[in-house]
PDB file of N, CA and C in Angstrom:
ATOM      1  N   UNK A   1      -0.920  11.550  10.009  1.00  0.00           N
ATOM      2  CA  UNK A   1      -1.920  10.584  10.024  1.00  0.00           C
ATOM      3  C   UNK A   1      -1.612   9.501  10.961  1.00  0.00           C
ATOM      4  N   UNK A   2       0.182   9.077  10.696  1.00  0.00           N
ATOM      5  CA  UNK A   2       0.522   8.046  11.451  1.00  0.00           C
ATOM      6  C   UNK A   2       0.045   8.203  12.919  1.00  0.00           C
ATOM      7  N   UNK A   3      -0.315   9.241  13.656  1.00  0.00           N
ATOM      8  CA  UNK A   3      -0.621   9.763  15.085  1.00  0.00           C
ATOM      9  C   UNK A   3      -2.022   9.255  14.931  1.00  0.00           C
ATOM     10  N   UNK A   4      -3.166   9.463  14.211  1.00  0.00           N
ATOM     11  CA  UNK A   4      -4.090   9.164  14.484  1.00  0.00           C
ATOM     12  C   UNK A   4      -4.177   7.645  14.342  1.00  0.00           C
ATOM     13  N   UNK A   5      -3.406   6.716  13.378  1.00  0.00           N
ATOM     14  CA  UNK A   5      -3.811   5.347  13.697  1.00  0.00           C
ATOM     15  C   UNK A   5      -3.089   4.860  15.151  1.00  0.00           C
ATOM     16  N   UNK A   6      -1.926   5.639  15.441  1.00  0.00           N
ATOM     17  CA  UNK A   6      -1.035   5.359  16.335  1.00  0.00           C
ATOM     18  C   UNK A   6      -2.353   5.609  17.802  1.00  0.00           C
ATOM     19  N   UNK A   7      -3.053   6.414  17.802  1.00  0.00           N
ATOM     20  CA  UNK A   7      -3.984   6.612  18.729  1.00  0.00           C
ATOM     21  C   UNK A   7      -5.024   5.928  18.785  1.00  0.00           C
ATOM     22  N   UNK A   8      -5.535   5.246  17.426  1.00  0.00           N
ATOM     23  CA  UNK A   8      -6.541   4.721  16.919  1.00  0.00           C
ATOM     24  C   UNK A   8      -7.758   5.117  17.014  1.00  0.00           C
ATOM     25  N   UNK A   9      -7.586   6.425  16.407  1.00  0.00           N
ATOM     26  CA  UNK A   9      -8.973   7.086  15.643  1.00  0.00           C
ATOM     27  C   UNK A   9      -9.075   6.933  14.404  1.00  0.00           C
ATOM     28  N   UNK A  10      -8.255   6.108  13.742  1.00  0.00           N
ATOM     29  CA  UNK A  10      -8.225   5.344  12.311  1.00  0.00           C
ATOM     30  C   UNK A  10      -8.118   4.185  12.137  1.00  0.00           C
ATOM     31  N   UNK A  11      -8.514   3.283  11.624  1.00  0.00           N
ATOM     32  CA  UNK A  11      -7.614   1.779  11.222  1.00  0.00           C
ATOM     33  C   UNK A  11      -6.595   2.016   9.732  1.00  0.00           C
ATOM     34  N   UNK A  12      -5.411   1.464  10.390  1.00  0.00           N
ATOM     35  CA  UNK A  12      -4.571   1.433   9.370  1.00  0.00           C
ATOM     36  C   UNK A  12      -3.939   0.100   8.847  1.00  0.00           C
ATOM     37  N   UNK A  13      -4.212  -0.201   7.657  1.00  0.00           N
ATOM     38  CA  UNK A  13      -3.510  -1.727   7.065  1.00  0.00           C
ATOM     39  C   UNK A  13      -2.426  -1.098   6.217  1.00  0.00           C
ATOM     40  N   UNK A  14      -1.334  -2.167   6.135  1.00  0.00           N
ATOM     41  CA  UNK A  14      -0.370  -1.845   5.219  1.00  0.00           C
ATOM     42  C   UNK A  14       0.006  -3.499   4.680  1.00  0.00           C
ATOM     43  N   UNK A  15      -0.046  -3.402   3.493  1.00  0.00           N
ATOM     44  CA  UNK A  15       0.247  -4.879   2.494  1.00  0.00           C
ATOM     45  C   UNK A  15       1.518  -5.214   2.760  1.00  0.00           C
ATOM     46  N   UNK A  16       1.576  -6.319   2.567  1.00  0.00           N
ATOM     47  CA  UNK A  16       2.940  -7.096   3.333  1.00  0.00           C
ATOM     48  C   UNK A  16       3.606  -7.052   2.186  1.00  0.00           C
ATOM     49  N   UNK A  17       3.407  -6.761   1.028  1.00  0.00           N
ATOM     50  CA  UNK A  17       4.120  -6.251  -0.070  1.00  0.00           C
ATOM     51  C   UNK A  17       5.045  -4.835   0.119  1.00  0.00           C
ATOM     52  N   UNK A  18       4.087  -4.155   0.683  1.00  0.00           N
ATOM     53  CA  UNK A  18       4.486  -2.486   1.223  1.00  0.00           C
ATOM     54  C   UNK A  18       5.466  -2.728   1.944  1.00  0.00           C
ATOM     55  N   UNK A  19       5.497  -3.410   3.215  1.00  0.00           N
ATOM     56  CA  UNK A  19       6.740  -4.417   4.262  1.00  0.00           C
ATOM     57  C   UNK A  19       7.818  -4.850   2.966  1.00  0.00           C
ATOM     58  N   UNK A  20       7.690  -5.167   2.369  1.00  0.00           N
ATOM     59  CA  UNK A  20       9.032  -5.401   1.088  1.00  0.00           C
ATOM     60  C   UNK A  20       9.480  -4.524   0.519  1.00  0.00           C
ATOM     61  N   UNK A  21       8.540  -3.578   0.105  1.00  0.00           N
ATOM     62  CA  UNK A  21       9.247  -2.180  -0.742  1.00  0.00           C
ATOM     63  C   UNK A  21       9.935  -1.294   0.692  1.00  0.00           C
ATOM     64  N   UNK A  22       9.173  -1.263   1.806  1.00  0.00           N
ATOM     65  CA  UNK A  22      10.346  -0.179   2.708  1.00  0.00           C
ATOM     66  C   UNK A  22      11.438  -0.742   3.403  1.00  0.00           C
ATOM     67  N   UNK A  23      11.784  -2.345   3.458  1.00  0.00           N
ATOM     68  CA  UNK A  23      12.757  -2.927   3.951  1.00  0.00           C
ATOM     69  C   UNK A  23      13.736  -2.635   2.536  1.00  0.00           C
ATOM     70  N   UNK A  24      13.471  -2.548   1.536  1.00  0.00           N
ATOM     71  CA  UNK A  24      14.365  -2.345   0.438  1.00  0.00           C
ATOM     72  C   UNK A  24      14.988  -1.027   0.408  1.00  0.00           C
ATOM     73  N   UNK A  25      13.911  -0.140   0.472  1.00  0.00           N
ATOM     74  CA  UNK A  25      14.106   1.330   0.466  1.00  0.00           C
ATOM     75  C   UNK A  25      15.151   1.910   1.819  1.00  0.00           C
ATOM     76  N   UNK A  26      15.043   1.763   2.627  1.00  0.00           N
ATOM     77  CA  UNK A  26      15.019   1.774   3.959  1.00  0.00           C
ATOM     78  C   UNK A  26      16.821   0.739   3.838  1.00  0.00           C
ATOM     79  N   UNK A  27      17.090  -0.390   3.295  1.00  0.00           N
ATOM     80  CA  UNK A  27      18.302  -1.024   3.382  1.00  0.00           C
ATOM     81  C   UNK A  27      19.197  -0.381   2.542  1.00  0.00           C
ATOM     82  N   UNK A  28      18.722   0.564   1.241  1.00  0.00           N
ATOM     83  CA  UNK A  28      19.080   1.196   0.252  1.00  0.00           C
ATOM     84  C   UNK A  28      19.769   2.495   0.988  1.00  0.00           C
ATOM     85  N   UNK A  29      18.869   3.000   1.850  1.00  0.00           N
ATOM     86  CA  UNK A  29      18.982   4.329   2.653  1.00  0.00           C
ATOM     87  C   UNK A  29      20.221   4.153   3.199  1.00  0.00           C
ATOM     88  N   UNK A  30      20.391   3.403   4.325  1.00  0.00           N
ATOM     89  CA  UNK A  30      21.381   3.291   5.072  1.00  0.00           C
ATOM     90  C   UNK A  30      21.866   1.655   5.453  1.00  0.00           C
ATOM     91  N   UNK A  31      21.322   0.500   5.715  1.00  0.00           N
ATOM     92  CA  UNK A  31      21.674  -0.832   5.557  1.00  0.00           C
ATOM     93  C   UNK A  31      20.821  -1.166   6.277  1.00  0.00           C
ATOM     94  N   UNK A  32      20.994  -2.862   6.036  1.00  0.00           N
ATOM     95  CA  UNK A  32      20.326  -4.054   6.232  1.00  0.00           C
ATOM     96  C   UNK A  32      19.758  -3.747   7.997  1.00  0.00           C
ATOM     97  N   UNK A  33      20.179  -3.633   8.582  1.00  0.00           N
ATOM     98  CA  UNK A  33      19.959  -3.599  10.240  1.00  0.00           C
ATOM     99  C   UNK A  33      19.160  -2.563  10.472  1.00  0.00           C
ATOM    100  N   UNK A  34      18.887  -1.332   9.595  1.00  0.00           N
ATOM    101  CA  UNK A  34      18.115  -0.019   9.720  1.00  0.00           C
ATOM    102  C   UNK A  34      17.162  -0.353   9.465  1.00  0.00           C
ATOM    103  N   UNK A  35      17.088  -1.411   8.408  1.00  0.00           N
ATOM    104  CA  UNK A  35      16.004  -1.451   7.654  1.00  0.00           C
ATOM    105  C   UNK A  35      14.869  -2.764   8.758  1.00  0.00           C
ATOM    106  N   UNK A  36      15.399  -3.514   8.755  1.00  0.00           N
ATOM    107  CA  UNK A  36      15.099  -4.657   9.622  1.00  0.00           C
ATOM    108  C   UNK A  36      14.205  -3.861  11.208  1.00  0.00           C
ATOM    109  N   UNK A  37      15.285  -2.814  11.904  1.00  0.00           N
ATOM    110  CA  UNK A  37      14.387  -1.796  12.562  1.00  0.00           C
ATOM    111  C   UNK A  37      13.503  -0.667  12.604  1.00  0.00           C
ATOM    112  N   UNK A  38      13.306  -0.675  10.893  1.00  0.00           N
ATOM    113  CA  UNK A  38      11.982   0.141  10.673  1.00  0.00           C
ATOM    114  C   UNK A  38      10.431  -1.125  10.862  1.00  0.00           C
ATOM    115  N   UNK A  39      10.993  -2.365  10.152  1.00  0.00           N
ATOM    116  CA  UNK A  39       9.871  -3.392   9.887  1.00  0.00           C
ATOM    117  C   UNK A  39       9.477  -3.577  11.427  1.00  0.00           C
ATOM    118  N   UNK A  40      10.463  -3.737  12.121  1.00  0.00           N
ATOM    119  CA  UNK A  40      10.106  -4.117  13.846  1.00  0.00           C
ATOM    120  C   UNK A  40       9.025  -3.227  13.848  1.00  0.00           C
ATOM    121  N   UNK A  41       8.991  -1.721  14.339  1.00  0.00           N
ATOM    122  CA  UNK A  41       8.892  -0.478  14.102  1.00  0.00           C
ATOM    123  C   UNK A  41       7.166  -0.855  14.259  1.00  0.00           C
ATOM    124  N   UNK A  42       7.014  -1.359  12.524  1.00  0.00           N
ATOM    125  CA  UNK A  42       5.559  -1.561  11.747  1.00  0.00           C
ATOM    126  C   UNK A  42       4.869  -2.265  12.388  1.00  0.00           C
ATOM    127  N   UNK A  43       5.917  -3.336  12.702  1.00  0.00           N
ATOM    128  CA  UNK A  43       4.857  -4.758  13.059  1.00  0.00           C
ATOM    129  C   UNK A  43       4.490  -4.597  14.657  1.00  0.00           C
ATOM    130  N   UNK A  44       5.099  -3.535  15.680  1.00  0.00           N
ATOM    131  CA  UNK A  44       4.686  -3.021  16.871  1.00  0.00           C
ATOM    132  C   UNK A  44       3.742  -2.000  16.841  1.00  0.00           C
ATOM    133  N   UNK A  45       3.454  -1.522  15.339  1.00  0.00           N
ATOM    134  CA  UNK A  45       2.644  -0.012  15.824  1.00  0.00           C
ATOM    135  C   UNK A  45       1.580  -1.015  15.547  1.00  0.00           C
ATOM    136  N   UNK A  46       0.031   0.151  14.996  1.00  0.00           N
ATOM    137  CA  UNK A  46      -1.358  -0.064  15.278  1.00  0.00           C
ATOM    138  C   UNK A  46      -1.600  -0.249  13.792  1.00  0.00           C
ATOM    139  N   UNK A  47      -0.594  -0.798  13.199  1.00  0.00           N
ATOM    140  CA  UNK A  47      -0.851  -1.109  11.580  1.00  0.00           C
ATOM    141  C   UNK A  47      -1.064  -2.334  11.295  1.00  0.00           C
ATOM    142  N   UNK A  48      -2.007  -2.761  10.514  1.00  0.00           N
ATOM    143  CA  UNK A  48      -2.420  -4.485  10.390  1.00  0.00           C
ATOM    144  C   UNK A  48      -2.107  -4.683   9.349  1.00  0.00           C
ATOM    145  N   UNK A  49      -0.968  -5.673   9.386  1.00  0.00           N
ATOM    146  CA  UNK A  49       0.081  -6.329   8.312  1.00  0.00           C
ATOM    147  C   UNK A  49      -0.977  -7.292   7.340  1.00  0.00           C
ATOM    148  N   UNK A  50      -1.589  -6.757   5.960  1.00  0.00           N
ATOM    149  CA  UNK A  50      -2.420  -7.652   5.601  1.00  0.00           C
ATOM    150  C   UNK A  50      -1.469  -8.320   4.368  1.00  0.00           C
ATOM    151  N   UNK A  51      -1.478  -9.710   4.725  1.00  0.00           N
ATOM    152  CA  UNK A  51      -0.620 -10.988   3.579  1.00  0.00           C
ATOM    153  C   UNK A  51      -1.282 -11.398   2.705  1.00  0.00           C
ATOM    154  N   UNK A  52      -1.173 -11.338   1.437  1.00  0.00           N
ATOM    155  CA  UNK A  52      -1.944 -11.377   0.191  1.00  0.00           C
ATOM    156  C   UNK A  52      -2.240 -13.042   0.789  1.00  0.00           C
ATOM    157  N   UNK A  53      -3.609 -13.060  -0.522  1.00  0.00           N
ATOM    158  CA  UNK A  53      -3.613 -14.345  -0.422  1.00  0.00           C
ATOM    159  C   UNK A  53      -4.313 -14.535  -1.995  1.00  0.00           C
ATOM    160  N   UNK A  54      -5.107 -15.906  -2.378  1.00  0.00           N
ATOM    161  CA  UNK A  54      -5.217 -15.853  -3.740  1.00  0.00           C
ATOM    162  C   UNK A  54      -6.248 -14.994  -4.558  1.00  0.00           C
ATOM    163  N   UNK A  55      -7.194 -14.371  -3.796  1.00  0.00           N
ATOM    164  CA  UNK A  55      -8.238 -13.327  -4.055  1.00  0.00           C
ATOM    165  C   UNK A  55      -7.706 -12.216  -4.250  1.00  0.00           C
ATOM    166  N   UNK A  56      -6.947 -11.538  -3.622  1.00  0.00           N
ATOM    167  CA  UNK A  56      -5.844 -10.446  -4.283  1.00  0.00           C
ATOM    168  C   UNK A  56      -4.710 -10.832  -5.201  1.00  0.00           C
ATOM    169  N   UNK A  57      -4.231 -12.002  -5.357  1.00  0.00           N
ATOM    170  CA  UNK A  57      -3.557 -12.252  -6.220  1.00  0.00           C
ATOM    171  C   UNK A  57      -4.364 -11.999  -7.451  1.00  0.00           C
ATOM    172  N   UNK A  58      -5.295 -12.849  -7.727  1.00  0.00           N
ATOM    173  CA  UNK A  58      -6.326 -12.540  -8.573  1.00  0.00           C
ATOM    174  C   UNK A  58      -6.720 -11.388  -9.292  1.00  0.00           C
ATOM    175  N   UNK A  59      -6.977 -10.253  -8.229  1.00  0.00           N
ATOM    176  CA  UNK A  59      -7.324  -9.095  -8.324  1.00  0.00           C
ATOM    177  C   UNK A  59      -6.501  -8.492  -9.194  1.00  0.00           C
ATOM    178  N   UNK A  60      -4.917  -8.154  -8.576  1.00  0.00           N
ATOM    179  CA  UNK A  60      -3.947  -8.242  -8.675  1.00  0.00           C
ATOM    180  C   UNK A  60      -3.326  -7.976 -10.275  1.00  0.00           C
ATOM    181  N   UNK A  61      -3.910  -9.300 -10.384  1.00  0.00           N
ATOM    182  CA  UNK A  61      -3.247  -9.720 -11.991  1.00  0.00           C
ATOM    183  C   UNK A  61      -4.369  -9.294 -13.060  1.00  0.00           C
ATOM    184  N   UNK A  62      -5.657  -8.779 -12.386  1.00  0.00           N
ATOM    185  CA  UNK A  62      -6.695  -8.086 -13.415  1.00  0.00           C
ATOM    186  C   UNK A  62      -6.267  -6.668 -13.451  1.00  0.00           C
ATOM    187  N   UNK A  63      -5.447  -6.418 -12.490  1.00  0.00           N
ATOM    188  CA  UNK A  63      -5.386  -4.652 -12.504  1.00  0.00           C
ATOM    189  C   UNK A  63      -4.406  -4.915 -13.163  1.00  0.00           C
ATOM    190  N   UNK A  64      -3.298  -5.640 -12.969  1.00  0.00           N
ATOM    191  CA  UNK A  64      -2.210  -5.590 -14.377  1.00  0.00           C
ATOM    192  C   UNK A  64      -2.252  -5.693 -15.573  1.00  0.00           C
ATOM    193  N   UNK A  65      -2.984  -6.237 -16.075  1.00  0.00           N
ATOM    194  CA  UNK A  65      -3.623  -6.609 -17.127  1.00  0.00           C
ATOM    195  C   UNK A  65      -4.646  -5.462 -17.796  1.00  0.00           C
ATOM    196  N   UNK A  66      -5.834  -4.797 -17.189  1.00  0.00           N
ATOM    197  CA  UNK A  66      -6.306  -3.795 -17.090  1.00  0.00           C
ATOM    198  C   UNK A  66      -5.613  -2.505 -17.467  1.00  0.00           C
ATOM    199  N   UNK A  67      -4.564  -2.743 -16.508  1.00  0.00           N
ATOM    200  CA  UNK A  67      -3.939  -1.211 -16.633  1.00  0.00           C
ATOM    201  C   UNK A  67      -2.641  -1.019 -17.196  1.00  0.00           C
ATOM    202  N   UNK A  68      -2.725  -2.060 -17.685  1.00  0.00           N
ATOM    203  CA  UNK A  68      -0.792  -2.043 -18.436  1.00  0.00           C
ATOM    204  C   UNK A  68      -1.336  -1.920 -19.972  1.00  0.00           C
ATOM    205  N   UNK A  69      -2.386  -3.002 -20.004  1.00  0.00           N
ATOM    206  CA  UNK A  69      -3.090  -3.154 -21.529  1.00  0.00           C
ATOM    207  C   UNK A  69      -1.594  -3.568 -22.343  1.00  0.00           C
ATOM    208  N   UNK A  70      -1.228  -2.689 -23.376  1.00  0.00           N
ATOM    209  CA  UNK A  70      -0.222  -3.415 -24.657  1.00  0.00           C
ATOM    210  C   UNK A  70       1.174  -2.588 -24.269  1.00  0.00           C
ATOM    211  N   UNK A  71       1.238  -1.450 -23.086  1.00  0.00           N
ATOM    212  CA  UNK A  71       2.226  -0.786 -22.765  1.00  0.00           C
ATOM    213  C   UNK A  71       3.611  -1.758 -22.221  1.00  0.00           C
ATOM    214  N   UNK A  72       4.573  -1.547 -22.118  1.00  0.00           N
ATOM    215  CA  UNK A  72       5.751  -2.247 -21.742  1.00  0.00           C
ATOM    216  C   UNK A  72       5.925  -2.062 -20.236  1.00  0.00           C
ATOM    217  N   UNK A  73       5.855  -1.068 -19.625  1.00  0.00           N
ATOM    218  CA  UNK A  73       5.766  -0.734 -18.219  1.00  0.00           C
ATOM    219  C   UNK A  73       4.283  -0.768 -17.540  1.00  0.00           C
ATOM    220  N   UNK A  74       3.653   0.302 -17.236  1.00  0.00           N
ATOM    221  CA  UNK A  74       2.326  -0.058 -17.004  1.00  0.00           C
ATOM    222  C   UNK A  74       2.175   0.145 -15.607  1.00  0.00           C
ATOM    223  N   UNK A  75       1.314  -0.407 -15.124  1.00  0.00           N
ATOM    224  CA  UNK A  75       1.135  -0.815 -13.847  1.00  0.00           C
ATOM    225  C   UNK A  75       2.246  -1.719 -13.335  1.00  0.00           C
ATOM    226  N   UNK A  76       3.111  -1.124 -12.077  1.00  0.00           N
ATOM    227  CA  UNK A  76       3.639  -2.482 -11.610  1.00  0.00           C
ATOM    228  C   UNK A  76       3.425  -3.422 -10.697  1.00  0.00           C
ATOM    229  N   UNK A  77       3.224  -4.321 -10.753  1.00  0.00           N
ATOM    230  CA  UNK A  77       3.097  -5.797 -10.342  1.00  0.00           C
ATOM    231  C   UNK A  77       2.617  -5.657  -8.524  1.00  0.00           C
ATOM    232  N   UNK A  78       3.739  -4.907  -8.213  1.00  0.00           N
ATOM    233  CA  UNK A  78       3.592  -4.630  -6.506  1.00  0.00           C
ATOM    234  C   UNK A  78       2.348  -3.844  -6.244  1.00  0.00           C
ATOM    235  N   UNK A  79       2.483  -2.806  -7.460  1.00  0.00           N
ATOM    236  CA  UNK A  79       1.443  -1.723  -7.122  1.00  0.00           C
ATOM    237  C   UNK A  79       0.047  -2.280  -7.407  1.00  0.00           C
ATOM    238  N   UNK A  80      -0.353  -3.225  -7.929  1.00  0.00           N
ATOM    239  CA  UNK A  80      -1.616  -3.808  -8.326  1.00  0.00           C
ATOM    240  C   UNK A  80      -1.492  -4.447  -7.057  1.00  0.00           C
ATOM    241  N   UNK A  81      -0.971  -5.497  -6.727  1.00  0.00           N
ATOM    242  CA  UNK A  81      -1.180  -6.262  -5.170  1.00  0.00           C
ATOM    243  C   UNK A  81      -1.285  -5.012  -4.171  1.00  0.00           C
ATOM    244  N   UNK A  82      -0.390  -3.987  -4.089  1.00  0.00           N
ATOM    245  CA  UNK A  82      -1.064  -2.999  -2.741  1.00  0.00           C
ATOM    246  C   UNK A  82      -2.678  -2.427  -3.352  1.00  0.00           C
ATOM    247  N   UNK A  83      -2.906  -2.325  -4.531  1.00  0.00           N
ATOM    248  CA  UNK A  83      -4.482  -1.969  -5.244  1.00  0.00           C
ATOM    249  C   UNK A  83      -5.401  -2.998  -4.785  1.00  0.00           C
ATOM    250  N   UNK A  84      -5.062  -4.419  -4.801  1.00  0.00           N
ATOM    251  CA  UNK A  84      -6.261  -5.703  -4.810  1.00  0.00           C
ATOM    252  C   UNK A  84      -6.240  -5.433  -3.381  1.00  0.00           C
ATOM    253  N   UNK A  85      -5.179  -5.086  -2.323  1.00  0.00           N
ATOM    254  CA  UNK A  85      -5.255  -4.916  -0.802  1.00  0.00           C
ATOM    255  C   UNK A  85      -6.463  -4.200  -0.298  1.00  0.00           C
ATOM    256  N   UNK A  86      -6.408  -3.538  -1.114  1.00  0.00           N
ATOM    257  CA  UNK A  86      -7.525  -2.086  -0.876  1.00  0.00           C
ATOM    258  C   UNK A  86      -9.063  -2.418  -1.033  1.00  0.00           C
ATOM    259  N   UNK A  87      -9.201  -3.220  -1.939  1.00  0.00           N
ATOM    260  CA  UNK A  87     -10.342  -3.727  -2.778  1.00  0.00           C
ATOM    261  C   UNK A  87     -11.021  -4.303  -1.590  1.00  0.00           C
ATOM    262  N   UNK A  88     -10.030  -5.644  -1.378  1.00  0.00           N
ATOM    263  CA  UNK A  88     -10.446  -6.629  -0.259  1.00  0.00           C
ATOM    264  C   UNK A  88     -10.382  -6.112   0.930  1.00  0.00           C
ATOM    265  N   UNK A  89      -9.882  -5.278   1.478  1.00  0.00           N
ATOM    266  CA  UNK A  89     -10.269  -4.813   2.581  1.00  0.00           C
ATOM    267  C   UNK A  89     -11.324  -3.636   2.874  1.00  0.00           C
ATOM    268  N   UNK A  90     -11.487  -3.273   1.625  1.00  0.00           N
ATOM    269  CA  UNK A  90     -12.286  -2.160   1.666  1.00  0.00           C
ATOM    270  C   UNK A  90     -12.094  -0.791   2.359  1.00  0.00           C
ATOM    271  N   UNK A  91     -10.725  -0.569   1.903  1.00  0.00           N
ATOM    272  CA  UNK A  91     -10.365   0.447   2.342  1.00  0.00           C
ATOM    273  C   UNK A  91      -9.452   1.245   1.569  1.00  0.00           C
ATOM    274  N   UNK A  92      -9.552   2.878   2.064  1.00  0.00           N
ATOM    275  CA  UNK A  92      -8.845   3.657   1.043  1.00  0.00           C
ATOM    276  C   UNK A  92      -7.369   3.369   1.236  1.00  0.00           C
ATOM    277  N   UNK A  93      -6.770   3.789  -0.066  1.00  0.00           N
ATOM    278  CA  UNK A  93      -5.636   3.569  -0.472  1.00  0.00           C
ATOM    279  C   UNK A  93      -4.827   5.265  -0.349  1.00  0.00           C
ATOM    280  N   UNK A  94      -4.046   5.441   0.676  1.00  0.00           N
ATOM    281  CA  UNK A  94      -3.201   6.586   0.490  1.00  0.00           C
ATOM    282  C   UNK A  94      -2.075   6.420   0.004  1.00  0.00           C
ATOM    283  N   UNK A  95      -1.646   7.239  -1.036  1.00  0.00           N
ATOM    284  CA  UNK A  95      -0.777   7.246  -2.193  1.00  0.00           C
ATOM    285  C   UNK A  95      -0.760   8.555  -2.728  1.00  0.00           C
ATOM    286  N   UNK A  96       0.277   8.756  -3.560  1.00  0.00           N
ATOM    287  CA  UNK A  96       0.494   9.859  -4.350  1.00  0.00           C
ATOM    288  C   UNK A  96       1.023   9.213  -5.775  1.00  0.00           C
ATOM    289  N   UNK A  97       1.186   8.296  -5.880  1.00  0.00           N
ATOM    290  CA  UNK A  97       1.639   7.688  -7.164  1.00  0.00           C
ATOM    291  C   UNK A  97       0.449   7.664  -8.173  1.00  0.00           C
ATOM    292  N   UNK A  98       0.389   8.399  -9.464  1.00  0.00           N
ATOM    293  CA  UNK A  98       0.178   8.493 -10.178  1.00  0.00           C
ATOM    294  C   UNK A  98      -1.021   7.270 -10.883  1.00  0.00           C
ATOM    295  N   UNK A  99      -0.409   6.727 -10.790  1.00  0.00           N
ATOM    296  CA  UNK A  99      -1.131   5.511 -11.594  1.00  0.00           C
ATOM    297  C   UNK A  99      -2.404   4.643 -10.891  1.00  0.00           C
ATOM    298  N   UNK A 100      -2.162   4.961  -9.635  1.00  0.00           N
ATOM    299  CA  UNK A 100      -3.193   4.659  -8.850  1.00  0.00           C
ATOM    300  C   UNK A 100      -4.742   4.932  -8.981  1.00  0.00           C
ATOM    301  N   UNK A 101      -4.332   6.484  -9.345  1.00  0.00           N
ATOM    302  CA  UNK A 101      -5.270   6.953  -9.669  1.00  0.00           C
ATOM    303  C   UNK A 101      -6.199   6.936 -10.957  1.00  0.00           C
ATOM    304  N   UNK A 102      -5.823   5.873 -11.661  1.00  0.00           N
ATOM    305  CA  UNK A 102      -6.053   5.521 -12.729  1.00  0.00           C
ATOM    306  C   UNK A 102      -6.961   4.400 -12.668  1.00  0.00           C
ATOM    307  N   UNK A 103      -7.245   3.829 -11.578  1.00  0.00           N
ATOM    308  CA  UNK A 103      -7.563   2.718 -11.422  1.00  0.00           C
ATOM    309  C   UNK A 103      -9.272   2.961 -10.109  1.00  0.00           C
ATOM    310  N   UNK A 104      -9.596   2.495 -11.782  1.00  0.00           N
ATOM    311  CA  UNK A 104     -10.902   3.054 -11.295  1.00  0.00           C
ATOM    312  C   UNK A 104     -11.854   1.814  -9.908  1.00  0.00           C
ATOM    313  N   UNK A 105     -11.327   1.181  -9.799  1.00  0.00           N
ATOM    314  CA  UNK A 105     -12.235   0.153  -8.820  1.00  0.00           C
ATOM    315  C   UNK A 105     -11.688   0.329  -7.207  1.00  0.00           C
ATOM    316  N   UNK A 106     -10.812   1.311  -7.047  1.00  0.00           N
ATOM    317  CA  UNK A 106     -10.262   1.149  -5.474  1.00  0.00           C
ATOM    318  C   UNK A 106     -10.636   3.114  -5.202  1.00  0.00           C
ATOM    319  N   UNK A 107     -10.858   3.288  -4.384  1.00  0.00           N
ATOM    320  CA  UNK A 107     -10.702   4.744  -3.626  1.00  0.00           C
ATOM    321  C   UNK A 107      -9.426   5.231  -3.118  1.00  0.00           C
ATOM    322  N   UNK A 108      -9.249   6.435  -3.825  1.00  0.00           N
ATOM    323  CA  UNK A 108      -7.631   6.452  -3.407  1.00  0.00           C
ATOM    324  C   UNK A 108      -7.704   8.168  -3.203  1.00  0.00           C
ATOM    325  N   UNK A 109      -6.864   8.087  -2.173  1.00  0.00           N
ATOM    326  CA  UNK A 109      -6.647   9.738  -1.933  1.00  0.00           C
ATOM    327  C   UNK A 109      -5.438  10.195  -1.486  1.00  0.00           C
ATOM    328  N   UNK A 110      -4.589  11.193  -1.951  1.00  0.00           N
ATOM    329  CA  UNK A 110      -3.573  11.499  -1.503  1.00  0.00           C
ATOM    330  C   UNK A 110      -3.122  12.243   0.208  1.00  0.00           C
ATOM    331  N   UNK A 111      -2.120  11.754   0.703  1.00  0.00           N
ATOM    332  CA  UNK A 111      -2.233  11.763   2.133  1.00  0.00           C
ATOM    333  C   UNK A 111      -3.052  13.701   2.752  1.00  0.00           C
ATOM    334  N   UNK A 112      -2.656  14.457   1.777  1.00  0.00           N
ATOM    335  CA  UNK A 112      -3.479  15.630   2.367  1.00  0.00           C
ATOM    336  C   UNK A 112      -4.903  15.752   1.964  1.00  0.00           C
ATOM    337  N   UNK A 113      -5.004  14.906   0.719  1.00  0.00           N
ATOM    338  CA  UNK A 113      -6.911  14.629   0.729  1.00  0.00           C
ATOM    339  C   UNK A 113      -7.550  14.167   1.956  1.00  0.00           C
ATOM    340  N   UNK A 114      -6.909  13.245   2.106  1.00  0.00           N
ATOM    341  CA  UNK A 114      -7.292  11.639   3.615  1.00  0.00           C
ATOM    342  C   UNK A 114      -7.225  12.935   4.855  1.00  0.00           C
ATOM    343  N   UNK A 115      -6.071  13.725   5.055  1.00  0.00           N
ATOM    344  CA  UNK A 115      -6.567  14.183   6.018  1.00  0.00           C
ATOM    345  C   UNK A 115      -7.416  15.546   6.445  1.00  0.00           C
ATOM    346  N   UNK A 116      -7.453  16.294   5.267  1.00  0.00           N
ATOM    347  CA  UNK A 116      -8.712  17.140   5.403  1.00  0.00           C
ATOM    348  C   UNK A 116     -10.084  16.917   5.039  1.00  0.00           C
ATOM    349  N   UNK A 117     -10.344  15.585   4.424  1.00  0.00           N
ATOM    350  CA  UNK A 117     -11.146  15.035   5.332  1.00  0.00           C
ATOM    351  C   UNK A 117     -12.040  14.715   6.455  1.00  0.00           C
ATOM    352  N   UNK A 118     -10.974  14.350   7.025  1.00  0.00           N
ATOM    353  CA  UNK A 118     -11.034  13.521   8.558  1.00  0.00           C
ATOM    354  C   UNK A 118     -10.965  14.586   9.340  1.00  0.00           C
ATOM    355  N   UNK A 119     -10.672  16.133   9.278  1.00  0.00           N
ATOM    356  CA  UNK A 119     -10.656  16.698  10.065  1.00  0.00           C
ATOM    357  C   UNK A 119     -11.733  17.571  10.624  1.00  0.00           C
TER     358      UNK A 119
END
């Protein structure tokens, strides 16, 4: 899928929230400099980094409320923000986390589902 984005066959968006998550994951995996290198690579790639705005914040708040209800954990706010990005950008969300598939307002597919439809 990354190859298809780099070749311009499909558009790829990445939420600025995902940038934060990637940094943390790769810094823990190795170190901060390694994480910075990964983020630099994302910035020069064909991915369009989408910054949060007030519309996305409002939608994510609605998702957090609607899909958490009275549960203590529920939908993580970062994932609600990522889902809101897909709504505003009218984009398919590529993910494997189960909670995304419960959000009726978004079109979510696993990487395998997405690739099988695009071939």
